[in-house]
Amino acid sequence: ARPLIFLCGKNVNWNRLEIFEDYLPFKTDVIIVPETAVLPVITAAGQLHPVMQIPGREISAWSLLPPVFISHKIRTPWPDTEILATARAASAGRAAAEEVWPLILVRSHGQKSAAVMGYELWRWHLMMAGIGNEDDVYHHFINNLIRWLQIEQRTDLIRLQTDRSIYHFGEPVRCTAHVYDAQLNPIPDAELRLLLSRDGERQEIDMISASDGRYTATLQPLTAGDYTLSLNVLQDGKETGRTQMQFSVGEYNQELNEINMQESLLRELARVSGGRFATIDSVAEMLTSIRGKNKILISRRTIEVWNRACTMIAIIVLLAAEWFVRKKKGMV
């Protein structure tokens, strides 16, 4: 199932959106309200959720953002939906301050989905830069949201892959690992243990840290067969996660490895065997030059007719048939 993200606009046709209701974090029976400028208020669930985490900043960084606008109020979120942020009216009126609108919602059941009910989110980016403030909240929020939608399970925090699944014998196997923490941030200094196993034999492989939580290693299997790569992630000597994958190495085949014509080898074979080397252009000429010698083969074989059981049986059958015919004709 593909993840889904919904960014609400000012004018939404909710009747057409109803066909996606099962995949959204909310039911489409929304309430249309007057356009209102709102500020994000992070909920208790949002303070712990990786989508809302801003590296190097406290969660209070969200309170510095300028208002966005909302004109639709969600009536019924799905039971498994998490509300990460609500919308509080930017006006100072008491009644308005008491109004609560779900602003940022996520849903993890089955197909992942997320929804942002405010629009003109560009204000979190351009207006912050315009007044000399940092706009990293907007950038990190969008990146966290996309990354969270892509990671389907917790085990996906550790990813291991090879550049191919099937190799010819002698080819190097290049594998790459990506390691993230619970907030979906890359871990650049993780302690990794990569094991290559086949038929009960194991070999530990060292992985080199590249960048942004990415680690690489190059393997050179010595025999053909099916291999398993197992990756364990350790922290303070204790395992915090693991994953594994398989790849295959085919039998060695020199002919398939080198498909170009080996002219020097063919000429040497022709010389040693008393034959003749010819290219495709001179095959017809070579065939006409082939002269063979006629040979007459005489084969003799002696068969003893009277000493064979089948011959005696045939004679007896024929004599019996003759006697029967004579008896039938009255000749006996």
C-alpha atoms as a PDB file:
ATOM      1  CA  ALA A   1       0.000   0.000   0.000  1.00  0.00           C
ATOM      2  CA  ARG A   2       1.208   3.481  -0.871  1.00  0.00           C
ATOM      3  CA  PRO A   3       1.390   6.187   1.810  1.00  0.00           C
ATOM      4  CA  LEU A   4      -0.866   9.203   1.373  1.00  0.00           C
ATOM      5  CA  ILE A   5      -0.478  12.850   2.387  1.00  0.00           C
ATOM      6  CA  PHE A   6      -3.301  15.389   2.246  1.00  0.00           C
ATOM      7  CA  LEU A   7      -2.601  19.129   2.274  1.00  0.00           C
ATOM      8  CA  CYS A   8      -5.837  21.026   2.654  1.00  0.00           C
ATOM      9  CA  GLY A   9      -6.541  24.026   0.467  1.00  0.00           C
ATOM     10  CA  LYS A  10      -8.974  26.893   0.667  1.00  0.00           C
ATOM     11  CA  ASN A  11     -11.481  25.314  -1.722  1.00  0.00           C
ATOM     12  CA  VAL A  12     -11.850  21.519  -1.455  1.00  0.00           C
ATOM     13  CA  ASN A  13     -14.484  19.383  -3.149  1.00  0.00           C
ATOM     14  CA  TRP A  14     -15.240  17.049  -0.240  1.00  0.00           C
ATOM     15  CA  ASN A  15     -17.711  14.994  -2.291  1.00  0.00           C
ATOM     16  CA  ARG A  16     -14.953  13.946  -4.669  1.00  0.00           C
ATOM     17  CA  LEU A  17     -12.537  13.384  -1.810  1.00  0.00           C
ATOM     18  CA  GLU A  18     -14.950  10.929  -0.204  1.00  0.00           C
ATOM     19  CA  ILE A  19     -13.611   8.012  -2.299  1.00  0.00           C
ATOM     20  CA  PHE A  20     -10.290   8.393  -0.419  1.00  0.00           C
ATOM     21  CA  GLU A  21     -11.933   8.514   3.006  1.00  0.00           C
ATOM     22  CA  ASP A  22     -10.751   5.030   4.039  1.00  0.00           C
ATOM     23  CA  TYR A  23      -7.139   6.041   3.387  1.00  0.00           C
ATOM     24  CA  LEU A  24      -7.199   9.455   5.086  1.00  0.00           C
ATOM     25  CA  PRO A  25      -6.730  10.134   8.823  1.00  0.00           C
ATOM     26  CA  PHE A  26     -10.284  11.503   9.052  1.00  0.00           C
ATOM     27  CA  LYS A  27     -13.799  11.115   7.700  1.00  0.00           C
ATOM     28  CA  THR A  28     -14.819  13.675   5.099  1.00  0.00           C
ATOM     29  CA  ASP A  29     -17.909  14.927   6.944  1.00  0.00           C
ATOM     30  CA  VAL A  30     -16.106  18.167   7.829  1.00  0.00           C
ATOM     31  CA  ILE A  31     -17.556  21.458   8.957  1.00  0.00           C
ATOM     32  CA  ILE A  32     -16.928  24.505   6.791  1.00  0.00           C
ATOM     33  CA  VAL A  33     -16.013  27.478   8.983  1.00  0.00           C
ATOM     34  CA  PRO A  34     -15.072  31.093   8.161  1.00  0.00           C
ATOM     35  CA  GLU A  35     -11.452  31.470   7.115  1.00  0.00           C
ATOM     36  CA  THR A  36      -9.447  31.904  10.309  1.00  0.00           C
ATOM     37  CA  ALA A  37      -5.789  32.615  10.995  1.00  0.00           C
ATOM     38  CA  VAL A  38      -4.506  29.954  13.380  1.00  0.00           C
ATOM     39  CA  LEU A  39      -1.328  29.074  15.241  1.00  0.00           C
ATOM     40  CA  PRO A  40      -0.076  25.492  15.798  1.00  0.00           C
ATOM     41  CA  VAL A  41      -0.320  24.026  19.289  1.00  0.00           C
ATOM     42  CA  ILE A  42       1.621  20.812  19.740  1.00  0.00           C
ATOM     43  CA  THR A  43      -0.280  18.069  21.569  1.00  0.00           C
ATOM     44  CA  ALA A  44       1.169  15.600  24.072  1.00  0.00           C
ATOM     45  CA  ALA A  45       1.303  12.961  21.308  1.00  0.00           C
ATOM     46  CA  GLY A  46       3.009  15.437  18.987  1.00  0.00           C
ATOM     47  CA  GLN A  47       5.749  16.217  21.486  1.00  0.00           C
ATOM     48  CA  LEU A  48       6.880  12.590  21.299  1.00  0.00           C
ATOM     49  CA  HIS A  49       6.186  11.889  17.633  1.00  0.00           C
ATOM     50  CA  PRO A  50       9.188  11.907  15.223  1.00  0.00           C
ATOM     51  CA  VAL A  51       7.326  14.036  12.666  1.00  0.00           C
ATOM     52  CA  MET A  52       7.336  17.045  14.992  1.00  0.00           C
ATOM     53  CA  GLN A  53      10.943  16.807  16.204  1.00  0.00           C
ATOM     54  CA  ILE A  54      13.278  19.647  15.197  1.00  0.00           C
ATOM     55  CA  PRO A  55      16.983  18.705  15.629  1.00  0.00           C
ATOM     56  CA  GLY A  56      18.772  21.125  17.962  1.00  0.00           C
ATOM     57  CA  ARG A  57      15.568  22.949  18.859  1.00  0.00           C
ATOM     58  CA  GLU A  58      13.015  22.550  21.640  1.00  0.00           C
ATOM     59  CA  ILE A  59       9.420  21.733  20.803  1.00  0.00           C
ATOM     60  CA  SER A  60       8.631  25.341  21.736  1.00  0.00           C
ATOM     61  CA  ALA A  61      10.103  26.387  18.366  1.00  0.00           C
ATOM     62  CA  TRP A  62       6.656  25.704  16.910  1.00  0.00           C
ATOM     63  CA  SER A  63       5.192  28.579  18.948  1.00  0.00           C
ATOM     64  CA  LEU A  64       7.366  31.073  17.029  1.00  0.00           C
ATOM     65  CA  LEU A  65       5.723  30.326  13.688  1.00  0.00           C
ATOM     66  CA  PRO A  66       3.419  32.871  12.013  1.00  0.00           C
ATOM     67  CA  PRO A  67      -0.252  31.940  11.558  1.00  0.00           C
ATOM     68  CA  VAL A  68      -1.632  29.952   8.655  1.00  0.00           C
ATOM     69  CA  PHE A  69      -5.266  29.699   7.626  1.00  0.00           C
ATOM     70  CA  ILE A  70      -7.962  27.110   8.140  1.00  0.00           C
ATOM     71  CA  SER A  71     -11.514  26.992   6.787  1.00  0.00           C
ATOM     72  CA  HIS A  72     -12.513  23.356   7.435  1.00  0.00           C
ATOM     73  CA  LYS A  73     -12.959  21.707  10.792  1.00  0.00           C
ATOM     74  CA  ILE A  74     -12.658  17.930  11.059  1.00  0.00           C
ATOM     75  CA  ARG A  75     -15.663  16.381  12.712  1.00  0.00           C
ATOM     76  CA  THR A  76     -14.571  12.723  13.028  1.00  0.00           C
ATOM     77  CA  PRO A  77     -10.976  11.485  12.977  1.00  0.00           C
ATOM     78  CA  TRP A  78     -10.526   7.725  12.665  1.00  0.00           C
ATOM     79  CA  PRO A  79     -10.010   5.931  16.025  1.00  0.00           C
ATOM     80  CA  ASP A  80      -6.387   5.085  15.183  1.00  0.00           C
ATOM     81  CA  THR A  81      -5.546   8.656  14.151  1.00  0.00           C
ATOM     82  CA  GLU A  82      -3.048  10.669  16.186  1.00  0.00           C
ATOM     83  CA  ILE A  83      -3.508  14.441  16.397  1.00  0.00           C
ATOM     84  CA  LEU A  84      -0.012  15.901  16.575  1.00  0.00           C
ATOM     85  CA  ALA A  85      -1.029  19.562  16.570  1.00  0.00           C
ATOM     86  CA  THR A  86      -4.213  21.539  16.961  1.00  0.00           C
ATOM     87  CA  ALA A  87      -5.015  24.968  15.574  1.00  0.00           C
ATOM     88  CA  ARG A  88      -5.625  27.893  17.922  1.00  0.00           C
ATOM     89  CA  ALA A  89      -7.136  31.074  16.554  1.00  0.00           C
ATOM     90  CA  ALA A  90      -4.572  33.859  16.344  1.00  0.00           C
ATOM     91  CA  SER A  91      -7.133  36.456  17.465  1.00  0.00           C
ATOM     92  CA  ALA A  92      -7.227  37.392  21.133  1.00  0.00           C
ATOM     93  CA  GLY A  93     -10.947  36.743  21.626  1.00  0.00           C
ATOM     94  CA  ARG A  94     -11.742  34.339  24.445  1.00  0.00           C
ATOM     95  CA  ALA A  95     -14.321  32.384  22.456  1.00  0.00           C
ATOM     96  CA  ALA A  96     -11.913  32.068  19.567  1.00  0.00           C
ATOM     97  CA  ALA A  97      -9.117  30.951  21.861  1.00  0.00           C
ATOM     98  CA  GLU A  98     -11.298  28.136  23.177  1.00  0.00           C
ATOM     99  CA  GLU A  99     -11.960  26.784  19.668  1.00  0.00           C
ATOM    100  CA  VAL A 100      -9.801  23.773  18.824  1.00  0.00           C
ATOM    101  CA  TRP A 101      -9.253  22.491  15.297  1.00  0.00           C
ATOM    102  CA  PRO A 102      -7.155  19.418  14.451  1.00  0.00           C
ATOM    103  CA  LEU A 103      -4.292  20.804  12.366  1.00  0.00           C
ATOM    104  CA  ILE A 104      -1.741  18.012  11.820  1.00  0.00           C
ATOM    105  CA  LEU A 105      -2.915  14.393  11.872  1.00  0.00           C
ATOM    106  CA  VAL A 106      -1.244  11.056  11.121  1.00  0.00           C
ATOM    107  CA  ARG A 107      -2.568   7.523  10.833  1.00  0.00           C
ATOM    108  CA  SER A 108      -0.456   4.367  11.056  1.00  0.00           C
ATOM    109  CA  HIS A 109      -3.053   1.626  10.616  1.00  0.00           C
ATOM    110  CA  GLY A 110      -2.577  -0.323   7.377  1.00  0.00           C
ATOM    111  CA  GLN A 111      -1.656   2.265   4.781  1.00  0.00           C
ATOM    112  CA  LYS A 112       0.079   5.238   6.378  1.00  0.00           C
ATOM    113  CA  SER A 113      -1.436   8.655   5.824  1.00  0.00           C
ATOM    114  CA  ALA A 114      -1.049  12.214   7.058  1.00  0.00           C
ATOM    115  CA  ALA A 115      -3.063  15.404   6.771  1.00  0.00           C
ATOM    116  CA  VAL A 116      -2.346  19.086   7.304  1.00  0.00           C
ATOM    117  CA  MET A 117      -5.617  21.017   7.522  1.00  0.00           C
ATOM    118  CA  GLY A 118      -4.036  24.468   7.321  1.00  0.00           C
ATOM    119  CA  TYR A 119      -3.103  26.141   4.052  1.00  0.00           C
ATOM    120  CA  GLU A 120      -0.597  28.763   2.960  1.00  0.00           C
ATOM    121  CA  LEU A 121       2.141  26.852   4.758  1.00  0.00           C
ATOM    122  CA  TRP A 122       4.664  28.911   2.805  1.00  0.00           C
ATOM    123  CA  ARG A 123       4.249  31.486   5.566  1.00  0.00           C
ATOM    124  CA  TRP A 124       6.220  29.180   7.915  1.00  0.00           C
ATOM    125  CA  HIS A 125       9.103  29.389   5.478  1.00  0.00           C
ATOM    126  CA  LEU A 126       9.157  32.802   3.794  1.00  0.00           C
ATOM    127  CA  MET A 127       7.767  34.914   6.613  1.00  0.00           C
ATOM    128  CA  MET A 128      10.217  33.473   9.138  1.00  0.00           C
ATOM    129  CA  ALA A 129      13.104  34.248   6.808  1.00  0.00           C
ATOM    130  CA  GLY A 130      11.676  37.690   6.171  1.00  0.00           C
ATOM    131  CA  ILE A 131      11.899  38.698   9.812  1.00  0.00           C
ATOM    132  CA  GLY A 132      15.344  37.217  10.293  1.00  0.00           C
ATOM    133  CA  ASN A 133      14.224  34.085  12.127  1.00  0.00           C
ATOM    134  CA  GLU A 134      15.210  30.507  11.369  1.00  0.00           C
ATOM    135  CA  ASP A 135      12.960  28.639   8.917  1.00  0.00           C
ATOM    136  CA  ASP A 136      14.290  25.199   9.868  1.00  0.00           C
ATOM    137  CA  VAL A 137      10.990  24.204  11.538  1.00  0.00           C
ATOM    138  CA  TYR A 138       9.258  24.174   8.159  1.00  0.00           C
ATOM    139  CA  HIS A 139      12.050  22.261   6.389  1.00  0.00           C
ATOM    140  CA  HIS A 140      12.444  19.652   9.121  1.00  0.00           C
ATOM    141  CA  PHE A 141       8.686  19.184   9.399  1.00  0.00           C
ATOM    142  CA  ILE A 142       8.296  18.456   5.678  1.00  0.00           C
ATOM    143  CA  ASN A 143      11.338  16.132   5.647  1.00  0.00           C
ATOM    144  CA  ASN A 144      10.176  14.302   8.784  1.00  0.00           C
ATOM    145  CA  LEU A 145       6.687  13.885   7.382  1.00  0.00           C
ATOM    146  CA  ILE A 146       7.888  12.404   4.087  1.00  0.00           C
ATOM    147  CA  ARG A 147      10.406  10.146   5.813  1.00  0.00           C
ATOM    148  CA  TRP A 148       7.819   8.905   8.313  1.00  0.00           C
ATOM    149  CA  LEU A 149       5.408   8.060   5.492  1.00  0.00           C
ATOM    150  CA  GLN A 150       8.094   6.079   3.682  1.00  0.00           C
ATOM    151  CA  ILE A 151       9.074   3.968   6.680  1.00  0.00           C
ATOM    152  CA  GLU A 152       6.313   1.371   6.944  1.00  0.00           C
ATOM    153  CA  GLN A 153       7.515  -0.526  10.027  1.00  0.00           C
ATOM    154  CA  ARG A 154       9.905   0.008  12.883  1.00  0.00           C
ATOM    155  CA  THR A 155      12.249  -2.578  11.363  1.00  0.00           C
ATOM    156  CA  ASP A 156      12.694  -0.195   8.431  1.00  0.00           C
ATOM    157  CA  LEU A 157      14.784   1.989  10.722  1.00  0.00           C
ATOM    158  CA  ILE A 158      17.542  -0.422   9.693  1.00  0.00           C
ATOM    159  CA  ARG A 159      17.852  -1.026   5.960  1.00  0.00           C
ATOM    160  CA  LEU A 160      20.274  -3.382   4.250  1.00  0.00           C
ATOM    161  CA  GLN A 161      20.572  -3.904   0.513  1.00  0.00           C
ATOM    162  CA  THR A 162      22.993  -5.032  -2.193  1.00  0.00           C
ATOM    163  CA  ASP A 163      23.379  -3.453  -5.618  1.00  0.00           C
ATOM    164  CA  ARG A 164      22.010  -6.667  -7.196  1.00  0.00           C
ATOM    165  CA  SER A 165      20.375  -9.927  -6.104  1.00  0.00           C
ATOM    166  CA  ILE A 166      22.236 -12.334  -8.438  1.00  0.00           C
ATOM    167  CA  TYR A 167      25.969 -12.234  -9.222  1.00  0.00           C
ATOM    168  CA  HIS A 168      28.349 -14.130 -11.480  1.00  0.00           C
ATOM    169  CA  PHE A 169      31.181 -15.880  -9.734  1.00  0.00           C
ATOM    170  CA  GLY A 170      34.104 -13.528  -9.174  1.00  0.00           C
ATOM    171  CA  GLU A 171      32.044 -10.329  -9.195  1.00  0.00           C
ATOM    172  CA  PRO A 172      32.254  -8.057  -6.120  1.00  0.00           C
ATOM    173  CA  VAL A 173      29.124  -7.721  -3.978  1.00  0.00           C
ATOM    174  CA  ARG A 174      28.551  -4.147  -2.805  1.00  0.00           C
ATOM    175  CA  CYS A 175      26.149  -3.733   0.115  1.00  0.00           C
ATOM    176  CA  THR A 176      24.778  -0.603   1.760  1.00  0.00           C
ATOM    177  CA  ALA A 177      23.126  -0.109   5.170  1.00  0.00           C
ATOM    178  CA  HIS A 178      21.043   2.842   6.402  1.00  0.00           C
ATOM    179  CA  VAL A 179      20.480   3.267  10.149  1.00  0.00           C
ATOM    180  CA  TYR A 180      17.985   5.705  11.758  1.00  0.00           C
ATOM    181  CA  ASP A 181      16.934   6.417  15.322  1.00  0.00           C
ATOM    182  CA  ALA A 182      13.357   6.551  16.618  1.00  0.00           C
ATOM    183  CA  GLN A 183      13.063  10.192  15.476  1.00  0.00           C
ATOM    184  CA  LEU A 184      14.060   9.137  11.922  1.00  0.00           C
ATOM    185  CA  ASN A 185      17.422  10.894  12.210  1.00  0.00           C
ATOM    186  CA  PRO A 186      20.419   9.152  10.589  1.00  0.00           C
ATOM    187  CA  ILE A 187      22.910   7.630  13.051  1.00  0.00           C
ATOM    188  CA  PRO A 188      26.412   8.396  11.743  1.00  0.00           C
ATOM    189  CA  ASP A 189      28.362   6.478  14.425  1.00  0.00           C
ATOM    190  CA  ALA A 190      26.332   3.294  14.904  1.00  0.00           C
ATOM    191  CA  GLU A 191      28.035   0.075  16.018  1.00  0.00           C
ATOM    192  CA  LEU A 192      27.264  -2.453  13.290  1.00  0.00           C
ATOM    193  CA  ARG A 193      27.923  -6.175  13.001  1.00  0.00           C
ATOM    194  CA  LEU A 194      27.518  -7.617   9.497  1.00  0.00           C
ATOM    195  CA  LEU A 195      27.643 -11.404   9.089  1.00  0.00           C
ATOM    196  CA  LEU A 196      27.916 -13.283   5.781  1.00  0.00           C
ATOM    197  CA  SER A 197      26.682 -16.883   6.113  1.00  0.00           C
ATOM    198  CA  ARG A 198      26.274 -19.927   3.859  1.00  0.00           C
ATOM    199  CA  ASP A 199      25.749 -23.587   4.786  1.00  0.00           C
ATOM    200  CA  GLY A 200      26.495 -22.933   8.463  1.00  0.00           C
ATOM    201  CA  GLU A 201      29.718 -21.010   7.782  1.00  0.00           C
ATOM    202  CA  ARG A 202      29.883 -17.393   8.970  1.00  0.00           C
ATOM    203  CA  GLN A 203      32.193 -14.506   8.203  1.00  0.00           C
ATOM    204  CA  GLU A 204      32.105 -11.084   9.871  1.00  0.00           C
ATOM    205  CA  ILE A 205      32.388  -8.112   7.502  1.00  0.00           C
ATOM    206  CA  ASP A 206      33.537  -4.608   8.431  1.00  0.00           C
ATOM    207  CA  MET A 207      31.322  -1.751   7.283  1.00  0.00           C
ATOM    208  CA  ILE A 208      32.648   1.741   6.564  1.00  0.00           C
ATOM    209  CA  SER A 209      30.653   4.832   7.549  1.00  0.00           C
ATOM    210  CA  ALA A 210      29.907   7.004   4.516  1.00  0.00           C
ATOM    211  CA  SER A 211      27.521   9.856   5.423  1.00  0.00           C
ATOM    212  CA  ASP A 212      24.050  10.523   6.864  1.00  0.00           C
ATOM    213  CA  GLY A 213      23.779   7.155   8.575  1.00  0.00           C
ATOM    214  CA  ARG A 214      24.909   5.249   5.478  1.00  0.00           C
ATOM    215  CA  TYR A 215      27.443   2.421   5.709  1.00  0.00           C
ATOM    216  CA  THR A 216      29.079   0.439   2.910  1.00  0.00           C
ATOM    217  CA  ALA A 217      31.017  -2.808   2.477  1.00  0.00           C
ATOM    218  CA  THR A 218      32.347  -4.831  -0.455  1.00  0.00           C
ATOM    219  CA  LEU A 219      32.313  -8.630  -0.345  1.00  0.00           C
ATOM    220  CA  GLN A 220      34.081 -11.242  -2.486  1.00  0.00           C
ATOM    221  CA  PRO A 221      32.395 -14.665  -2.063  1.00  0.00           C
ATOM    222  CA  LEU A 222      34.822 -17.523  -2.784  1.00  0.00           C
ATOM    223  CA  THR A 223      32.250 -20.118  -3.846  1.00  0.00           C
ATOM    224  CA  ALA A 224      28.966 -20.160  -5.739  1.00  0.00           C
ATOM    225  CA  GLY A 225      25.665 -20.565  -3.883  1.00  0.00           C
ATOM    226  CA  ASP A 226      23.006 -18.751  -1.856  1.00  0.00           C
ATOM    227  CA  TYR A 227      24.227 -16.340   0.826  1.00  0.00           C
ATOM    228  CA  THR A 228      22.547 -14.540   3.746  1.00  0.00           C
ATOM    229  CA  LEU A 229      23.609 -11.139   5.060  1.00  0.00           C
ATOM    230  CA  SER A 230      22.629 -10.401   8.681  1.00  0.00           C
ATOM    231  CA  LEU A 231      23.053  -6.922  10.147  1.00  0.00           C
ATOM    232  CA  ASN A 232      22.897  -6.273  13.900  1.00  0.00           C
ATOM    233  CA  VAL A 233      22.898  -2.758  15.352  1.00  0.00           C
ATOM    234  CA  LEU A 234      24.444  -2.487  18.818  1.00  0.00           C
ATOM    235  CA  GLN A 235      24.361   0.218  21.476  1.00  0.00           C
ATOM    236  CA  ASP A 236      26.536  -0.117  24.588  1.00  0.00           C
ATOM    237  CA  GLY A 237      27.129  -3.734  23.602  1.00  0.00           C
ATOM    238  CA  LYS A 238      23.388  -4.529  23.452  1.00  0.00           C
ATOM    239  CA  GLU A 239      21.481  -5.264  20.287  1.00  0.00           C
ATOM    240  CA  THR A 240      18.916  -2.583  19.404  1.00  0.00           C
ATOM    241  CA  GLY A 241      17.831  -3.849  15.989  1.00  0.00           C
ATOM    242  CA  ARG A 242      18.527  -6.325  13.226  1.00  0.00           C
ATOM    243  CA  THR A 243      17.679  -7.136   9.617  1.00  0.00           C
ATOM    244  CA  GLN A 244      18.819  -9.571   6.954  1.00  0.00           C
ATOM    245  CA  MET A 245      18.662 -10.243   3.212  1.00  0.00           C
ATOM    246  CA  GLN A 246      19.760 -12.876   0.673  1.00  0.00           C
ATOM    247  CA  PHE A 247      21.682 -12.896  -2.606  1.00  0.00           C
ATOM    248  CA  SER A 248      23.004 -15.602  -4.930  1.00  0.00           C
ATOM    249  CA  VAL A 249      26.312 -16.214  -6.684  1.00  0.00           C
ATOM    250  CA  GLY A 250      26.250 -18.303  -9.888  1.00  0.00           C
ATOM    251  CA  GLU A 251      28.725 -20.964 -10.988  1.00  0.00           C
ATOM    252  CA  TYR A 252      31.947 -19.856 -12.657  1.00  0.00           C
ATOM    253  CA  ASN A 253      31.756 -19.963 -16.463  1.00  0.00           C
ATOM    254  CA  GLN A 254      34.800 -18.734 -18.357  1.00  0.00           C
ATOM    255  CA  GLU A 255      33.004 -18.912 -21.704  1.00  0.00           C
ATOM    256  CA  LEU A 256      30.195 -16.637 -20.475  1.00  0.00           C
ATOM    257  CA  ASN A 257      32.710 -14.424 -18.737  1.00  0.00           C
ATOM    258  CA  GLU A 258      34.634 -13.792 -21.964  1.00  0.00           C
ATOM    259  CA  ILE A 259      32.367 -13.964 -25.020  1.00  0.00           C
ATOM    260  CA  ASN A 260      34.777 -12.418 -27.556  1.00  0.00           C
ATOM    261  CA  MET A 261      36.490 -14.753 -30.043  1.00  0.00           C
ATOM    262  CA  GLN A 262      39.839 -16.040 -28.744  1.00  0.00           C
ATOM    263  CA  GLU A 263      41.657 -16.153 -32.092  1.00  0.00           C
ATOM    264  CA  SER A 264      45.081 -17.022 -30.697  1.00  0.00           C
ATOM    265  CA  LEU A 265      43.623 -19.942 -28.730  1.00  0.00           C
ATOM    266  CA  LEU A 266      41.720 -21.253 -31.777  1.00  0.00           C
ATOM    267  CA  ARG A 267      44.800 -21.048 -34.017  1.00  0.00           C
ATOM    268  CA  GLU A 268      46.824 -22.993 -31.459  1.00  0.00           C
ATOM    269  CA  LEU A 269      44.114 -25.680 -31.225  1.00  0.00           C
ATOM    270  CA  ALA A 270      44.089 -25.987 -35.028  1.00  0.00           C
ATOM    271  CA  ARG A 271      47.874 -26.321 -35.141  1.00  0.00           C
ATOM    272  CA  VAL A 272      48.066 -28.934 -32.399  1.00  0.00           C
ATOM    273  CA  SER A 273      45.204 -31.043 -33.793  1.00  0.00           C
ATOM    274  CA  GLY A 274      46.298 -30.793 -37.433  1.00  0.00           C
ATOM    275  CA  GLY A 275      43.256 -28.737 -38.352  1.00  0.00           C
ATOM    276  CA  ARG A 276      42.828 -25.368 -39.958  1.00  0.00           C
ATOM    277  CA  PHE A 277      41.648 -22.012 -38.564  1.00  0.00           C
ATOM    278  CA  ALA A 278      39.193 -19.954 -40.648  1.00  0.00           C
ATOM    279  CA  THR A 279      37.176 -16.821 -40.069  1.00  0.00           C
ATOM    280  CA  ILE A 280      33.516 -16.493 -40.992  1.00  0.00           C
ATOM    281  CA  ASP A 281      34.436 -14.831 -44.297  1.00  0.00           C
ATOM    282  CA  SER A 282      36.528 -17.781 -45.484  1.00  0.00           C
ATOM    283  CA  VAL A 283      34.326 -20.687 -44.365  1.00  0.00           C
ATOM    284  CA  ALA A 284      33.073 -21.420 -47.917  1.00  0.00           C
ATOM    285  CA  GLU A 285      36.617 -21.571 -49.272  1.00  0.00           C
ATOM    286  CA  MET A 286      37.674 -23.836 -46.450  1.00  0.00           C
ATOM    287  CA  LEU A 287      34.802 -26.280 -47.102  1.00  0.00           C
ATOM    288  CA  THR A 288      35.729 -26.653 -50.783  1.00  0.00           C
ATOM    289  CA  SER A 289      39.298 -27.460 -49.829  1.00  0.00           C
ATOM    290  CA  ILE A 290      38.281 -30.403 -47.682  1.00  0.00           C
ATOM    291  CA  ARG A 291      39.185 -33.630 -49.505  1.00  0.00           C
ATOM    292  CA  GLY A 292      38.367 -36.965 -47.959  1.00  0.00           C
ATOM    293  CA  LYS A 293      39.531 -40.513 -48.922  1.00  0.00           C
ATOM    294  CA  ASN A 294      37.083 -43.217 -49.947  1.00  0.00           C
ATOM    295  CA  LYS A 295      37.073 -46.278 -47.747  1.00  0.00           C
ATOM    296  CA  ILE A 296      35.390 -49.653 -48.385  1.00  0.00           C
ATOM    297  CA  LEU A 297      34.336 -51.544 -45.330  1.00  0.00           C
ATOM    298  CA  ILE A 298      33.426 -55.244 -45.603  1.00  0.00           C
ATOM    299  CA  SER A 299      31.587 -56.806 -42.721  1.00  0.00           C
ATOM    300  CA  ARG A 300      30.993 -60.586 -42.403  1.00  0.00           C
ATOM    301  CA  ARG A 301      28.694 -62.333 -39.982  1.00  0.00           C
ATOM    302  CA  THR A 302      27.971 -66.106 -39.639  1.00  0.00           C
ATOM    303  CA  ILE A 303      24.562 -67.263 -38.383  1.00  0.00           C
ATOM    304  CA  GLU A 304      23.872 -70.938 -37.580  1.00  0.00           C
ATOM    305  CA  VAL A 305      20.323 -71.418 -38.834  1.00  0.00           C
ATOM    306  CA  TRP A 306      19.826 -75.037 -37.680  1.00  0.00           C
ATOM    307  CA  ASN A 307      21.051 -74.363 -34.225  1.00  0.00           C
ATOM    308  CA  ARG A 308      18.426 -71.702 -33.421  1.00  0.00           C
ATOM    309  CA  ALA A 309      15.242 -72.379 -31.482  1.00  0.00           C
ATOM    310  CA  CYS A 310      13.148 -70.026 -33.588  1.00  0.00           C
ATOM    311  CA  THR A 311      14.109 -71.926 -36.761  1.00  0.00           C
ATOM    312  CA  MET A 312      13.010 -75.257 -35.296  1.00  0.00           C
ATOM    313  CA  ILE A 313       9.729 -73.790 -34.099  1.00  0.00           C
ATOM    314  CA  ALA A 314       9.031 -72.364 -37.581  1.00  0.00           C
ATOM    315  CA  ILE A 315       9.712 -75.771 -39.229  1.00  0.00           C
ATOM    316  CA  ILE A 316       7.397 -77.558 -36.799  1.00  0.00           C
ATOM    317  CA  VAL A 317       4.618 -75.006 -37.333  1.00  0.00           C
ATOM    318  CA  LEU A 318       4.911 -75.296 -41.132  1.00  0.00           C
ATOM    319  CA  LEU A 319       4.849 -79.114 -41.076  1.00  0.00           C
ATOM    320  CA  ALA A 320       1.815 -79.091 -38.776  1.00  0.00           C
ATOM    321  CA  ALA A 321       0.040 -76.658 -41.070  1.00  0.00           C
ATOM    322  CA  GLU A 322       0.795 -78.879 -44.116  1.00  0.00           C
ATOM    323  CA  TRP A 323      -0.582 -81.966 -42.338  1.00  0.00           C
ATOM    324  CA  PHE A 324      -3.729 -80.062 -41.327  1.00  0.00           C
ATOM    325  CA  VAL A 325      -4.364 -78.901 -44.880  1.00  0.00           C
ATOM    326  CA  ARG A 326      -3.858 -82.417 -46.284  1.00  0.00           C
ATOM    327  CA  LYS A 327      -6.201 -83.880 -43.667  1.00  0.00           C
ATOM    328  CA  LYS A 328      -8.831 -81.245 -44.513  1.00  0.00           C
ATOM    329  CA  LYS A 329      -8.627 -82.025 -48.245  1.00  0.00           C
ATOM    330  CA  GLY A 330      -8.742 -85.789 -47.724  1.00  0.00           C
ATOM    331  CA  MET A 331      -5.286 -86.232 -49.069  1.00  0.00           C
ATOM    332  CA  VAL A 332      -4.206 -88.353 -46.097  1.00  0.00           C
END
